[in-house]
N, C-alpha and C. Protein backbone atom coordinates (compact mmCIF):
# COMPACT_ATOMS: atom_id res chain seq x y z
N UNK A 1 330.57 -39.45 128.12
CA UNK A 1 329.40 -40.33 128.60
C UNK A 1 329.60 -41.39 127.74
N UNK A 2 329.60 -42.31 128.29
CA UNK A 2 329.58 -43.81 127.43
C UNK A 2 328.25 -43.98 126.95
N UNK A 3 328.15 -44.95 126.19
CA UNK A 3 327.27 -45.45 125.33
C UNK A 3 326.54 -46.33 126.02
N UNK A 4 326.75 -46.77 127.06
CA UNK A 4 325.99 -47.58 127.87
C UNK A 4 324.59 -46.60 128.94
N UNK A 5 325.77 -45.84 129.29
CA UNK A 5 324.85 -44.34 129.91
C UNK A 5 323.78 -44.07 129.14
N UNK A 6 323.99 -43.72 127.71
CA UNK A 6 323.11 -43.25 127.04
C UNK A 6 322.02 -44.17 126.81
N UNK A 7 322.58 -45.27 126.45
CA UNK A 7 321.18 -46.28 126.42
C UNK A 7 320.33 -46.33 127.67
N UNK A 8 320.70 -46.25 128.98
CA UNK A 8 320.11 -46.54 130.16
C UNK A 8 319.29 -45.29 130.21
N UNK A 9 319.69 -44.17 130.09
CA UNK A 9 318.81 -42.81 129.66
C UNK A 9 317.70 -43.22 128.95
N UNK A 10 317.82 -43.59 127.46
CA UNK A 10 316.84 -43.72 126.31
C UNK A 10 315.81 -44.74 127.18
N UNK A 11 316.08 -45.82 127.57
CA UNK A 11 315.14 -46.99 128.25
C UNK A 11 314.38 -46.26 129.30
N UNK A 12 315.30 -45.71 130.20
CA UNK A 12 314.43 -44.95 131.21
C UNK A 12 313.60 -44.29 131.02
N UNK A 13 313.56 -43.32 129.76
CA UNK A 13 312.37 -42.36 129.29
C UNK A 13 311.60 -43.40 128.72
N UNK A 14 311.21 -44.09 127.82
CA UNK A 14 310.66 -44.99 127.29
C UNK A 14 309.84 -45.58 128.42
N UNK A 15 310.26 -45.98 129.47
CA UNK A 15 309.81 -46.73 130.68
C UNK A 15 308.87 -45.64 130.93
N UNK A 16 309.45 -44.77 131.43
CA UNK A 16 308.50 -43.66 132.03
C UNK A 16 307.35 -43.18 131.32
N UNK A 17 307.43 -43.02 129.94
CA UNK A 17 306.10 -42.90 129.18
C UNK A 17 305.45 -44.00 129.04
N UNK A 18 305.60 -45.42 129.14
CA UNK A 18 305.06 -46.60 128.90
C UNK A 18 304.23 -46.73 130.48
N UNK A 19 304.96 -46.18 131.36
CA UNK A 19 304.14 -46.44 133.12
C UNK A 19 303.35 -45.28 132.58
N UNK A 20 303.54 -44.32 132.30
CA UNK A 20 302.37 -42.75 132.21
C UNK A 20 301.01 -43.29 131.19
N UNK A 21 301.43 -43.98 130.18
CA UNK A 21 300.32 -44.10 129.51
C UNK A 21 299.61 -45.38 130.04
N UNK A 22 300.34 -46.34 130.68
CA UNK A 22 299.68 -47.57 131.26
C UNK A 22 298.62 -47.21 132.50
N UNK A 23 299.15 -46.16 133.49
CA UNK A 23 298.27 -45.37 134.24
C UNK A 23 296.96 -44.56 133.64
N UNK A 24 297.50 -43.87 132.53
CA UNK A 24 296.17 -43.06 131.75
C UNK A 24 295.09 -44.18 131.58
N UNK A 25 295.79 -45.32 130.53
CA UNK A 25 294.51 -45.99 130.44
C UNK A 25 293.98 -47.08 131.20
N UNK A 26 294.78 -47.04 132.54
CA UNK A 26 294.05 -47.75 133.75
C UNK A 26 292.66 -47.01 134.43
N UNK A 27 293.17 -45.65 134.32
CA UNK A 27 291.96 -44.67 134.65
C UNK A 27 290.68 -45.00 133.61
N UNK A 28 291.10 -44.65 132.32
CA UNK A 28 290.35 -44.70 131.43
C UNK A 28 289.25 -45.86 131.28
N UNK A 29 290.13 -46.93 131.50
CA UNK A 29 289.29 -48.10 131.65
C UNK A 29 288.46 -48.72 133.02
N UNK A 30 289.01 -48.08 133.78
CA UNK A 30 287.87 -47.80 135.28
C UNK A 30 286.69 -46.90 134.95
N UNK A 31 286.77 -45.82 134.64
CA UNK A 31 285.86 -45.08 133.95
C UNK A 31 284.60 -45.37 132.84
N UNK A 32 285.19 -46.30 132.33
CA UNK A 32 284.29 -47.19 131.15
C UNK A 32 283.65 -48.39 132.03
N UNK A 33 284.35 -48.89 132.77
CA UNK A 33 283.83 -50.10 133.49
C UNK A 33 282.52 -49.46 134.27
N UNK A 34 282.64 -48.55 134.92
CA UNK A 34 281.80 -47.83 135.48
C UNK A 34 280.42 -47.35 134.63
N UNK A 35 280.75 -46.76 133.74
CA UNK A 35 279.76 -46.35 132.59
C UNK A 35 278.89 -47.64 132.17
N UNK A 36 279.91 -48.55 131.51
CA UNK A 36 279.06 -49.89 131.47
C UNK A 36 278.21 -50.32 132.43
N UNK A 37 278.47 -50.46 133.62
CA UNK A 37 277.68 -50.99 134.92
C UNK A 37 276.19 -49.95 135.13
N UNK A 38 276.85 -48.79 134.99
CA UNK A 38 275.41 -48.14 134.90
C UNK A 38 274.31 -48.11 133.75
N UNK A 39 274.92 -48.44 132.82
CA UNK A 39 274.24 -48.70 131.47
C UNK A 39 273.46 -50.09 131.47
N UNK A 40 274.25 -51.11 132.14
CA UNK A 40 273.53 -52.38 132.09
C UNK A 40 272.17 -52.06 133.49
N UNK A 41 272.92 -51.45 134.49
CA UNK A 41 271.80 -51.56 135.26
C UNK A 41 270.43 -50.89 135.04
N UNK A 42 270.53 -49.71 134.24
CA UNK A 42 269.38 -49.17 133.63
C UNK A 42 268.53 -49.92 132.70
N UNK A 43 269.26 -50.85 131.83
CA UNK A 43 268.52 -51.49 130.89
C UNK A 43 268.18 -53.04 131.73
N UNK A 44 268.95 -53.25 133.19
CA UNK A 44 268.14 -54.22 133.66
C UNK A 44 266.71 -54.00 134.49
N UNK A 45 266.83 -52.85 134.76
CA UNK A 45 265.87 -52.07 135.26
C UNK A 45 264.36 -51.97 134.21
N UNK A 46 264.83 -51.46 132.98
CA UNK A 46 263.89 -51.23 132.07
C UNK A 46 263.15 -52.64 131.50
N UNK A 47 264.20 -53.64 131.63
CA UNK A 47 263.65 -54.86 131.18
C UNK A 47 262.70 -55.28 132.48
N UNK A 48 263.00 -55.06 133.54
CA UNK A 48 262.07 -55.79 134.73
C UNK A 48 260.66 -55.03 134.43
N UNK A 49 260.71 -53.74 133.94
CA UNK A 49 259.40 -52.92 134.26
C UNK A 49 258.47 -53.15 133.09
N UNK A 50 259.11 -53.63 132.06
CA UNK A 50 258.30 -54.15 130.75
C UNK A 50 257.93 -55.45 131.22
N UNK A 51 259.01 -56.25 131.59
CA UNK A 51 258.12 -57.78 132.21
C UNK A 51 256.95 -57.35 133.16
N UNK A 52 256.99 -56.56 134.00
CA UNK A 52 256.05 -56.33 134.87
C UNK A 52 254.50 -55.99 134.40
N UNK A 53 254.93 -55.14 132.90
CA UNK A 53 253.75 -54.56 132.45
C UNK A 53 253.11 -55.54 131.54
N UNK A 54 253.76 -56.55 131.11
CA UNK A 54 253.58 -57.54 130.12
C UNK A 54 252.72 -58.52 130.80
N UNK A 55 253.32 -58.91 132.30
CA UNK A 55 252.36 -59.92 133.32
C UNK A 55 250.88 -59.04 133.69
N UNK A 56 251.09 -57.95 133.94
CA UNK A 56 250.24 -57.09 134.22
C UNK A 56 248.85 -57.11 133.14
N UNK A 57 249.53 -56.93 131.71
CA UNK A 57 248.56 -57.05 130.34
C UNK A 57 247.75 -58.47 130.25
N UNK A 58 249.12 -59.69 130.41
CA UNK A 58 248.46 -60.83 130.13
C UNK A 58 247.42 -61.39 131.55
N UNK A 59 247.56 -60.59 132.76
CA UNK A 59 246.66 -61.01 133.84
C UNK A 59 245.18 -60.61 133.28
N UNK A 60 245.20 -59.32 132.93
CA UNK A 60 244.30 -58.35 132.27
C UNK A 60 243.23 -59.29 131.28
N UNK A 61 244.16 -59.50 130.32
CA UNK A 61 243.67 -59.89 128.92
C UNK A 61 243.55 -61.51 129.14
N UNK A 62 243.84 -62.05 129.96
CA UNK A 62 243.36 -63.95 129.86
C UNK A 62 241.89 -63.97 130.48
N UNK A 63 241.46 -63.30 131.54
CA UNK A 63 240.21 -63.42 131.76
C UNK A 63 238.90 -62.90 130.58
N UNK A 64 239.47 -61.61 129.95
CA UNK A 64 238.74 -61.44 129.03
C UNK A 64 238.65 -62.31 128.09
N UNK A 65 239.70 -62.78 127.45
CA UNK A 65 239.83 -63.72 126.15
C UNK A 65 238.90 -64.83 127.03
N UNK A 66 239.25 -65.54 127.92
CA UNK A 66 238.25 -66.38 128.37
C UNK A 66 236.80 -66.26 128.19
N UNK A 67 236.55 -64.96 128.74
CA UNK A 67 235.02 -64.85 128.51
C UNK A 67 234.53 -64.76 127.37
N UNK A 68 235.05 -64.13 126.53
CA UNK A 68 234.71 -63.99 124.90
C UNK A 68 234.85 -65.71 124.21
N UNK A 69 235.78 -66.21 124.62
CA UNK A 69 235.65 -67.71 124.25
C UNK A 69 234.00 -68.35 124.76
N UNK A 70 233.90 -68.42 126.03
CA UNK A 70 232.97 -68.96 126.89
C UNK A 70 231.82 -68.51 126.01
N UNK A 71 231.53 -67.04 125.87
CA UNK A 71 230.42 -66.55 125.09
C UNK A 71 230.02 -66.98 123.99
N UNK A 72 231.09 -66.96 123.41
CA UNK A 72 231.22 -67.75 121.56
C UNK A 72 230.55 -68.96 121.65
N UNK A 73 230.84 -70.07 122.55
CA UNK A 73 230.86 -71.26 122.94
C UNK A 73 229.51 -71.07 123.27
N UNK A 74 228.71 -70.34 124.21
CA UNK A 74 227.49 -70.59 124.48
C UNK A 74 226.67 -70.48 123.52
N UNK A 75 226.94 -69.03 122.99
CA UNK A 75 226.21 -68.60 121.79
C UNK A 75 225.79 -69.85 120.45
N UNK A 76 226.58 -70.31 120.21
CA UNK A 76 226.83 -71.49 119.50
C UNK A 76 225.71 -72.64 119.89
N UNK A 77 225.83 -72.86 121.21
CA UNK A 77 225.01 -74.10 121.77
C UNK A 77 223.58 -73.64 121.87
N UNK A 78 223.42 -72.15 121.99
CA UNK A 78 221.88 -71.92 122.25
C UNK A 78 221.29 -71.67 120.95
N UNK A 79 222.27 -71.57 119.62
CA UNK A 79 221.73 -71.52 118.60
C UNK A 79 221.19 -72.86 117.75
N UNK A 80 222.08 -73.67 118.59
CA UNK A 80 221.79 -74.68 117.84
C UNK A 80 220.47 -75.30 118.54
């Protein structure tokens, strides 16, 4: 066997190993991106529900706050 043939065999073995590693890493990255997408979707749904709750809370508290403020000023006006 010639040294060139041995070198070609060694290089082809390393190329096969790197190709196998590249395929495995690609599959892992695809799975990881799917998990990241599901986590971000869940976080977005949570943020939207919190935003809806805050908007609802402000819609309820704003009239109450205004009524308290108005009654406070009316009481001050009546006391004078």
